[in-house]
Structure formats: C-alpha cells, structure tokens
C-alpha cells in the first residue's frame, strides 16, 4: 500500500493552490489534482478549466447536492462560480493549444530530476491512451505535479530518469508529495519544503535521484 505519512491529499493540493496567481486559468488533471478547487482563494480570482468544457467551476459538491450534468474532467461533481461557461470539447482544447492555460496540475507515476514526467502508461501495460495530458504539458505556461512519494510497492516516484513512457520532457516546475514540495531547477531537483513529521533522511531514502537540499528546510506552508 502507499505511504500515508506526511501530508494528506487535500493538504498537498492546498500547497500547490497557494502558488496560483490572481487571474490565472488553471487546469486540473484527474485524481489528486482535482482537490485544488476546494482551496479558499479569498480575493483571488482563479478560473478552473476542465478538458470536457467546464470553464470557471468551483469546489467539489457535497453529497446530495450534485448536478448530474456538471462534472470535472475526472467525472466528479462540481459547483459553478459566477461567470462560468460550458463550452464544446473542441473549444476547450482550443484554449489549451493556444497557450491560454497558466498552469496545469497533473498526477504522475514518475517525475525525473530534469522535469520529465510519465503519467499515462505503467510498465508492462498494454494499450492505454495519453489523452489531453500531452497537449497540456506542451502548451501550459507552468506544469505542477501532485502525487504520493512512493508507489504501492514502496518504490520512489521521484527518479533520475523515467523508466516508463514519458508524457513530456523537461516541463515540470513543481512537485508536491505527501513528503514535501520539490522544485525542478537548472541544477536538478531541490527540496524546498518538508512535511511535518517527515525527516530529511526519510525524504532521501524514498527518492530515486540526487536531491539539492539546503542546510535548513522549512515546513510545508499552510494557510493562516
């Protein structure tokens, strides 16, 4: 089973959401990244974009409040913010391919120290489709990844080189895991913040690449 130590999935997404700037158009991939829309942005205006054509949605809905026709790219029921729009699937991809997405937050199986990432096909898996991740990785201004530190078998997801088919090369800027926040820099992967209750040695032991680690690593930022 995956390692539940450190940050919860919502805490991981809250930390990435703190990086969103006022007015940004933000695409959220399937899985963990969808939780970013639950963050309280205060006075910031964040426009969430889903590949299926829902533009300007808000938090996930509570039980019993679902609109069966209103879902994000992961099929989860969402709310709409004032000014939201429902557009054709082709128009949604037109927004992506024309460079209008400020950041896409994606899940991944592996992220390499040079910013390569793999999120569409596991080792030994037959078939599979890369979907919209290819377009998002190529056209978004920033690429953030949210994933757990290790696989269900305890193997590192942060690696020197991706061992499975790559979605895009050299595009990842930030990675959040349950162990901390990592940044891809020209010199390699750097540990920027560490989750409460996790030691630097534990991060090193669960990382499959060389890490740049400052003498003092601050805790992962939280709101408030």
C-alpha atoms as a PDB file:
ATOM      1  CA  UNK A   1       0.000   0.000   0.000  1.00  0.00           C
ATOM      2  CA  UNK A   2       1.052   3.634  -0.485  1.00  0.00           C
ATOM      3  CA  UNK A   3       2.746   5.538   2.307  1.00  0.00           C
ATOM      4  CA  UNK A   4       0.169   7.674   4.152  1.00  0.00           C
ATOM      5  CA  UNK A   5       2.815   9.508   6.194  1.00  0.00           C
ATOM      6  CA  UNK A   6       3.063  13.289   5.973  1.00  0.00           C
ATOM      7  CA  UNK A   7       0.560  15.484   4.164  1.00  0.00           C
ATOM      8  CA  UNK A   8      -2.984  14.469   3.283  1.00  0.00           C
ATOM      9  CA  UNK A   9      -4.013  14.741  -0.355  1.00  0.00           C
ATOM     10  CA  UNK A  10      -6.020  17.878   0.370  1.00  0.00           C
ATOM     11  CA  UNK A  11      -3.044  19.459   2.147  1.00  0.00           C
ATOM     12  CA  UNK A  12      -0.868  18.640  -0.857  1.00  0.00           C
ATOM     13  CA  UNK A  13      -3.284  20.376  -3.202  1.00  0.00           C
ATOM     14  CA  UNK A  14      -3.753  23.330  -0.852  1.00  0.00           C
ATOM     15  CA  UNK A  15       0.000  23.941  -1.003  1.00  0.00           C
ATOM     16  CA  UNK A  16       0.051  23.948  -4.794  1.00  0.00           C
ATOM     17  CA  UNK A  17      -3.033  26.177  -4.877  1.00  0.00           C
ATOM     18  CA  UNK A  18      -1.096  28.810  -2.896  1.00  0.00           C
ATOM     19  CA  UNK A  19       1.114  29.191  -5.977  1.00  0.00           C
ATOM     20  CA  UNK A  20      -1.788  30.175  -8.256  1.00  0.00           C
ATOM     21  CA  UNK A  21      -1.783  33.873  -9.106  1.00  0.00           C
ATOM     22  CA  UNK A  22      -4.789  36.155  -9.369  1.00  0.00           C
ATOM     23  CA  UNK A  23      -6.482  35.809 -12.741  1.00  0.00           C
ATOM     24  CA  UNK A  24      -4.824  32.527 -13.679  1.00  0.00           C
ATOM     25  CA  UNK A  25      -6.617  29.957 -15.802  1.00  0.00           C
ATOM     26  CA  UNK A  26      -5.903  26.626 -14.084  1.00  0.00           C
ATOM     27  CA  UNK A  27      -6.419  23.143 -15.486  1.00  0.00           C
ATOM     28  CA  UNK A  28      -6.743  20.278 -13.001  1.00  0.00           C
ATOM     29  CA  UNK A  29      -5.983  16.730 -14.065  1.00  0.00           C
ATOM     30  CA  UNK A  30      -7.761  13.574 -12.947  1.00  0.00           C
ATOM     31  CA  UNK A  31      -7.061  12.217  -9.461  1.00  0.00           C
ATOM     32  CA  UNK A  32      -5.359  14.093  -6.638  1.00  0.00           C
ATOM     33  CA  UNK A  33      -5.107  17.440  -8.535  1.00  0.00           C
ATOM     34  CA  UNK A  34      -8.894  17.901  -8.578  1.00  0.00           C
ATOM     35  CA  UNK A  35      -8.750  18.757  -4.869  1.00  0.00           C
ATOM     36  CA  UNK A  36      -7.084  22.097  -5.702  1.00  0.00           C
ATOM     37  CA  UNK A  37     -10.509  23.574  -6.471  1.00  0.00           C
ATOM     38  CA  UNK A  38     -11.519  23.110  -2.806  1.00  0.00           C
ATOM     39  CA  UNK A  39      -8.959  25.680  -1.635  1.00  0.00           C
ATOM     40  CA  UNK A  40     -10.248  29.013  -0.317  1.00  0.00           C
ATOM     41  CA  UNK A  41      -8.628  31.612  -2.580  1.00  0.00           C
ATOM     42  CA  UNK A  42     -10.039  34.613  -0.757  1.00  0.00           C
ATOM     43  CA  UNK A  43      -9.922  37.670  -3.029  1.00  0.00           C
ATOM     44  CA  UNK A  44      -8.024  35.875  -5.792  1.00  0.00           C
ATOM     45  CA  UNK A  45      -9.948  35.081  -8.946  1.00  0.00           C
ATOM     46  CA  UNK A  46      -8.948  31.659 -10.225  1.00  0.00           C
ATOM     47  CA  UNK A  47     -10.634  30.288 -13.342  1.00  0.00           C
ATOM     48  CA  UNK A  48     -10.678  26.490 -13.310  1.00  0.00           C
ATOM     49  CA  UNK A  49     -10.648  24.787 -16.687  1.00  0.00           C
ATOM     50  CA  UNK A  50     -11.697  21.183 -17.376  1.00  0.00           C
ATOM     51  CA  UNK A  51     -10.907  19.401 -20.629  1.00  0.00           C
ATOM     52  CA  UNK A  52     -14.552  18.392 -21.014  1.00  0.00           C
ATOM     53  CA  UNK A  53     -15.539  22.056 -21.396  1.00  0.00           C
ATOM     54  CA  UNK A  54     -16.488  23.296 -17.925  1.00  0.00           C
ATOM     55  CA  UNK A  55     -14.803  26.682 -17.501  1.00  0.00           C
ATOM     56  CA  UNK A  56     -14.977  28.587 -14.210  1.00  0.00           C
ATOM     57  CA  UNK A  57     -16.036  25.844 -11.839  1.00  0.00           C
ATOM     58  CA  UNK A  58     -15.547  25.828  -8.078  1.00  0.00           C
ATOM     59  CA  UNK A  59     -15.267  23.318  -5.217  1.00  0.00           C
ATOM     60  CA  UNK A  60     -16.434  19.719  -5.411  1.00  0.00           C
ATOM     61  CA  UNK A  61     -20.062  19.330  -4.344  1.00  0.00           C
ATOM     62  CA  UNK A  62     -21.234  17.748  -1.143  1.00  0.00           C
ATOM     63  CA  UNK A  63     -23.317  14.583  -1.015  1.00  0.00           C
ATOM     64  CA  UNK A  64     -26.890  15.151  -2.154  1.00  0.00           C
ATOM     65  CA  UNK A  65     -26.082  18.445  -3.907  1.00  0.00           C
ATOM     66  CA  UNK A  66     -24.805  17.042  -7.190  1.00  0.00           C
ATOM     67  CA  UNK A  67     -25.918  18.263 -10.591  1.00  0.00           C
ATOM     68  CA  UNK A  68     -25.703  15.066 -12.627  1.00  0.00           C
ATOM     69  CA  UNK A  69     -24.787  17.021 -15.751  1.00  0.00           C
ATOM     70  CA  UNK A  70     -21.980  19.041 -14.176  1.00  0.00           C
ATOM     71  CA  UNK A  71     -18.645  17.276 -13.695  1.00  0.00           C
ATOM     72  CA  UNK A  72     -14.941  17.992 -13.974  1.00  0.00           C
ATOM     73  CA  UNK A  73     -12.529  16.037 -16.185  1.00  0.00           C
ATOM     74  CA  UNK A  74     -12.402  13.261 -13.572  1.00  0.00           C
ATOM     75  CA  UNK A  75     -16.174  12.819 -13.523  1.00  0.00           C
ATOM     76  CA  UNK A  76     -16.524  14.413 -10.074  1.00  0.00           C
ATOM     77  CA  UNK A  77     -19.480  16.686  -9.457  1.00  0.00           C
ATOM     78  CA  UNK A  78     -18.526  20.353  -9.119  1.00  0.00           C
ATOM     79  CA  UNK A  79     -20.112  23.724  -8.459  1.00  0.00           C
ATOM     80  CA  UNK A  80     -20.068  26.708 -10.811  1.00  0.00           C
ATOM     81  CA  UNK A  81     -18.691  30.140  -9.957  1.00  0.00           C
ATOM     82  CA  UNK A  82     -20.311  33.356 -11.248  1.00  0.00           C
ATOM     83  CA  UNK A  83     -19.404  33.871 -14.915  1.00  0.00           C
ATOM     84  CA  UNK A  84     -18.778  30.187 -15.582  1.00  0.00           C
ATOM     85  CA  UNK A  85     -19.352  28.739 -19.044  1.00  0.00           C
ATOM     86  CA  UNK A  86     -19.904  25.353 -20.632  1.00  0.00           C
ATOM     87  CA  UNK A  87     -18.139  25.090 -23.996  1.00  0.00           C
ATOM     88  CA  UNK A  88     -17.657  22.470 -26.681  1.00  0.00           C
ATOM     89  CA  UNK A  89     -14.891  19.947 -26.130  1.00  0.00           C
ATOM     90  CA  UNK A  90     -13.067  21.295 -29.184  1.00  0.00           C
ATOM     91  CA  UNK A  91     -13.198  24.846 -27.824  1.00  0.00           C
ATOM     92  CA  UNK A  92     -11.821  23.617 -24.511  1.00  0.00           C
ATOM     93  CA  UNK A  93      -8.823  22.137 -26.309  1.00  0.00           C
ATOM     94  CA  UNK A  94      -8.556  25.333 -28.327  1.00  0.00           C
ATOM     95  CA  UNK A  95      -7.918  27.154 -25.051  1.00  0.00           C
ATOM     96  CA  UNK A  96      -5.207  24.631 -24.184  1.00  0.00           C
ATOM     97  CA  UNK A  97      -3.457  24.581 -27.562  1.00  0.00           C
ATOM     98  CA  UNK A  98      -3.472  28.371 -27.907  1.00  0.00           C
ATOM     99  CA  UNK A  99      -1.449  28.745 -24.704  1.00  0.00           C
ATOM    100  CA  UNK A 100      -4.170  30.224 -22.507  1.00  0.00           C
ATOM    101  CA  UNK A 101      -3.674  27.814 -19.594  1.00  0.00           C
ATOM    102  CA  UNK A 102      -1.450  29.414 -16.962  1.00  0.00           C
ATOM    103  CA  UNK A 103      -0.850  26.178 -15.074  1.00  0.00           C
ATOM    104  CA  UNK A 104      -1.913  22.572 -15.325  1.00  0.00           C
ATOM    105  CA  UNK A 105      -1.798  20.392 -12.224  1.00  0.00           C
ATOM    106  CA  UNK A 106      -1.382  16.740 -13.153  1.00  0.00           C
ATOM    107  CA  UNK A 107      -0.882  13.433 -11.429  1.00  0.00           C
ATOM    108  CA  UNK A 108       2.062  11.228 -12.358  1.00  0.00           C
ATOM    109  CA  UNK A 109       3.597   7.806 -11.921  1.00  0.00           C
ATOM    110  CA  UNK A 110       7.129   9.229 -12.079  1.00  0.00           C
ATOM    111  CA  UNK A 111       8.880  12.603 -12.255  1.00  0.00           C
ATOM    112  CA  UNK A 112      12.552  12.799 -13.235  1.00  0.00           C
ATOM    113  CA  UNK A 113      15.088  15.224 -11.801  1.00  0.00           C
ATOM    114  CA  UNK A 114      15.259  17.103 -15.136  1.00  0.00           C
ATOM    115  CA  UNK A 115      11.487  17.762 -15.283  1.00  0.00           C
ATOM    116  CA  UNK A 116      10.429  14.813 -17.455  1.00  0.00           C
ATOM    117  CA  UNK A 117       7.268  13.105 -16.245  1.00  0.00           C
ATOM    118  CA  UNK A 118       5.258   9.984 -17.008  1.00  0.00           C
ATOM    119  CA  UNK A 119       1.565   9.713 -16.230  1.00  0.00           C
ATOM    120  CA  UNK A 120      -0.227   7.691 -18.877  1.00  0.00           C
ATOM    121  CA  UNK A 121       1.135   4.152 -19.035  1.00  0.00           C
ATOM    122  CA  UNK A 122       2.503   1.768 -16.429  1.00  0.00           C
ATOM    123  CA  UNK A 123       5.324  -0.695 -17.104  1.00  0.00           C
ATOM    124  CA  UNK A 124       4.039  -3.795 -18.896  1.00  0.00           C
ATOM    125  CA  UNK A 125       0.614  -2.294 -19.511  1.00  0.00           C
ATOM    126  CA  UNK A 126      -0.933  -2.975 -22.909  1.00  0.00           C
ATOM    127  CA  UNK A 127      -2.738  -0.210 -24.745  1.00  0.00           C
ATOM    128  CA  UNK A 128      -3.539   2.968 -22.909  1.00  0.00           C
ATOM    129  CA  UNK A 129      -4.018   6.493 -24.206  1.00  0.00           C
ATOM    130  CA  UNK A 130      -2.131   9.659 -23.408  1.00  0.00           C
ATOM    131  CA  UNK A 131      -5.278  11.789 -23.602  1.00  0.00           C
ATOM    132  CA  UNK A 132      -5.099  15.537 -23.046  1.00  0.00           C
ATOM    133  CA  UNK A 133      -2.017  15.375 -20.831  1.00  0.00           C
ATOM    134  CA  UNK A 134       0.197  15.663 -23.901  1.00  0.00           C
ATOM    135  CA  UNK A 135      -1.481  18.910 -25.014  1.00  0.00           C
ATOM    136  CA  UNK A 136      -1.480  20.351 -21.511  1.00  0.00           C
ATOM    137  CA  UNK A 137       2.172  19.533 -20.880  1.00  0.00           C
ATOM    138  CA  UNK A 138       3.196  21.057 -24.188  1.00  0.00           C
ATOM    139  CA  UNK A 139       1.086  24.214 -24.067  1.00  0.00           C
ATOM    140  CA  UNK A 140       0.517  25.255 -20.432  1.00  0.00           C
ATOM    141  CA  UNK A 141       2.783  28.011 -19.114  1.00  0.00           C
ATOM    142  CA  UNK A 142       3.533  26.014 -15.937  1.00  0.00           C
ATOM    143  CA  UNK A 143       3.254  22.320 -15.064  1.00  0.00           C
ATOM    144  CA  UNK A 144       2.774  21.222 -11.452  1.00  0.00           C
ATOM    145  CA  UNK A 145       2.540  17.589 -10.331  1.00  0.00           C
ATOM    146  CA  UNK A 146       0.725  16.172  -7.296  1.00  0.00           C
ATOM    147  CA  UNK A 147       1.464  12.564  -6.351  1.00  0.00           C
ATOM    148  CA  UNK A 148       2.442  10.351  -3.447  1.00  0.00           C
ATOM    149  CA  UNK A 149       6.118   9.951  -2.589  1.00  0.00           C
ATOM    150  CA  UNK A 150       6.277   6.217  -3.299  1.00  0.00           C
ATOM    151  CA  UNK A 151       4.326   3.552  -5.173  1.00  0.00           C
ATOM    152  CA  UNK A 152       2.167   0.920  -3.508  1.00  0.00           C
ATOM    153  CA  UNK A 153       5.246  -1.288  -3.530  1.00  0.00           C
ATOM    154  CA  UNK A 154       7.350   1.387  -1.822  1.00  0.00           C
ATOM    155  CA  UNK A 155       9.353   2.362  -4.895  1.00  0.00           C
ATOM    156  CA  UNK A 156      10.303   6.045  -5.428  1.00  0.00           C
ATOM    157  CA  UNK A 157       8.251   8.149  -7.819  1.00  0.00           C
ATOM    158  CA  UNK A 158      10.925  10.875  -7.888  1.00  0.00           C
ATOM    159  CA  UNK A 159      13.614   9.347 -10.080  1.00  0.00           C
ATOM    160  CA  UNK A 160      16.791  10.088 -12.004  1.00  0.00           C
ATOM    161  CA  UNK A 161      15.187   9.049 -15.298  1.00  0.00           C
ATOM    162  CA  UNK A 162      11.662   7.880 -16.055  1.00  0.00           C
ATOM    163  CA  UNK A 163      11.565   4.123 -16.662  1.00  0.00           C
ATOM    164  CA  UNK A 164       8.108   4.162 -18.279  1.00  0.00           C
ATOM    165  CA  UNK A 165       6.799   6.023 -21.354  1.00  0.00           C
ATOM    166  CA  UNK A 166       7.234   9.780 -20.880  1.00  0.00           C
ATOM    167  CA  UNK A 167       4.335  12.190 -21.291  1.00  0.00           C
ATOM    168  CA  UNK A 168       6.575  15.235 -21.863  1.00  0.00           C
ATOM    169  CA  UNK A 169      10.221  16.128 -21.372  1.00  0.00           C
ATOM    170  CA  UNK A 170      11.604  18.885 -19.177  1.00  0.00           C
ATOM    171  CA  UNK A 171       8.318  20.658 -18.445  1.00  0.00           C
ATOM    172  CA  UNK A 172       7.645  20.117 -14.719  1.00  0.00           C
ATOM    173  CA  UNK A 173       8.200  23.120 -12.435  1.00  0.00           C
ATOM    174  CA  UNK A 174       6.929  21.973  -9.028  1.00  0.00           C
ATOM    175  CA  UNK A 175       6.088  18.617  -7.459  1.00  0.00           C
ATOM    176  CA  UNK A 176       4.141  18.143  -4.252  1.00  0.00           C
ATOM    177  CA  UNK A 177       4.098  14.772  -2.498  1.00  0.00           C
ATOM    178  CA  UNK A 178       2.973  13.730   0.934  1.00  0.00           C
ATOM    179  CA  UNK A 179       6.630  14.210   1.975  1.00  0.00           C
ATOM    180  CA  UNK A 180       7.226  17.752   0.730  1.00  0.00           C
ATOM    181  CA  UNK A 181       7.485  20.341  -2.017  1.00  0.00           C
ATOM    182  CA  UNK A 182      10.123  19.870  -4.712  1.00  0.00           C
ATOM    183  CA  UNK A 183      11.264  22.274  -7.433  1.00  0.00           C
ATOM    184  CA  UNK A 184      12.927  21.395 -10.727  1.00  0.00           C
ATOM    185  CA  UNK A 185      15.871  23.760 -11.168  1.00  0.00           C
ATOM    186  CA  UNK A 186      18.621  24.045 -13.824  1.00  0.00           C
ATOM    187  CA  UNK A 187      20.871  22.204 -11.362  1.00  0.00           C
ATOM    188  CA  UNK A 188      18.433  19.395 -10.584  1.00  0.00           C
ATOM    189  CA  UNK A 189      15.605  18.594  -8.202  1.00  0.00           C
ATOM    190  CA  UNK A 190      15.542  20.644  -4.993  1.00  0.00           C
ATOM    191  CA  UNK A 191      13.692  20.007  -1.746  1.00  0.00           C
ATOM    192  CA  UNK A 192      12.025  23.336  -0.923  1.00  0.00           C
ATOM    193  CA  UNK A 193       9.696  22.424   1.955  1.00  0.00           C
ATOM    194  CA  UNK A 194       9.223  19.324   4.071  1.00  0.00           C
ATOM    195  CA  UNK A 195       6.041  17.834   5.515  1.00  0.00           C
ATOM    196  CA  UNK A 196       5.587  17.915   9.294  1.00  0.00           C
ATOM    197  CA  UNK A 197       6.634  14.634  10.872  1.00  0.00           C
ATOM    198  CA  UNK A 198       8.934  13.710   7.993  1.00  0.00           C
ATOM    199  CA  UNK A 199      12.721  13.877   8.276  1.00  0.00           C
ATOM    200  CA  UNK A 200      15.204  14.819   5.554  1.00  0.00           C
ATOM    201  CA  UNK A 201      16.665  11.320   5.833  1.00  0.00           C
ATOM    202  CA  UNK A 202      13.230   9.832   5.124  1.00  0.00           C
ATOM    203  CA  UNK A 203      12.897  12.030   2.046  1.00  0.00           C
ATOM    204  CA  UNK A 204      16.322  10.917   0.813  1.00  0.00           C
ATOM    205  CA  UNK A 205      15.518   7.248   1.442  1.00  0.00           C
ATOM    206  CA  UNK A 206      12.344   7.433  -0.649  1.00  0.00           C
ATOM    207  CA  UNK A 207      13.800   9.445  -3.536  1.00  0.00           C
ATOM    208  CA  UNK A 208      15.455   7.784  -6.519  1.00  0.00           C
ATOM    209  CA  UNK A 209      17.603  10.707  -7.610  1.00  0.00           C
ATOM    210  CA  UNK A 210      20.093  13.180  -6.178  1.00  0.00           C
ATOM    211  CA  UNK A 211      18.371  15.967  -4.273  1.00  0.00           C
ATOM    212  CA  UNK A 212      19.549  19.502  -3.703  1.00  0.00           C
ATOM    213  CA  UNK A 213      18.908  20.065  -0.002  1.00  0.00           C
ATOM    214  CA  UNK A 214      19.557  23.388   1.757  1.00  0.00           C
ATOM    215  CA  UNK A 215      21.063  23.445   5.242  1.00  0.00           C
ATOM    216  CA  UNK A 216      17.636  24.286   6.650  1.00  0.00           C
ATOM    217  CA  UNK A 217      14.406  23.072   5.052  1.00  0.00           C
ATOM    218  CA  UNK A 218      11.249  24.950   6.146  1.00  0.00           C
ATOM    219  CA  UNK A 219       7.976  23.091   6.766  1.00  0.00           C
ATOM    220  CA  UNK A 220       5.372  22.993   4.037  1.00  0.00           C
ATOM    221  CA  UNK A 221       3.409  26.235   4.100  1.00  0.00           C
ATOM    222  CA  UNK A 222      -0.146  26.132   5.349  1.00  0.00           C
ATOM    223  CA  UNK A 223      -2.847  28.763   5.168  1.00  0.00           C
ATOM    224  CA  UNK A 224      -3.234  31.109   8.082  1.00  0.00           C
END
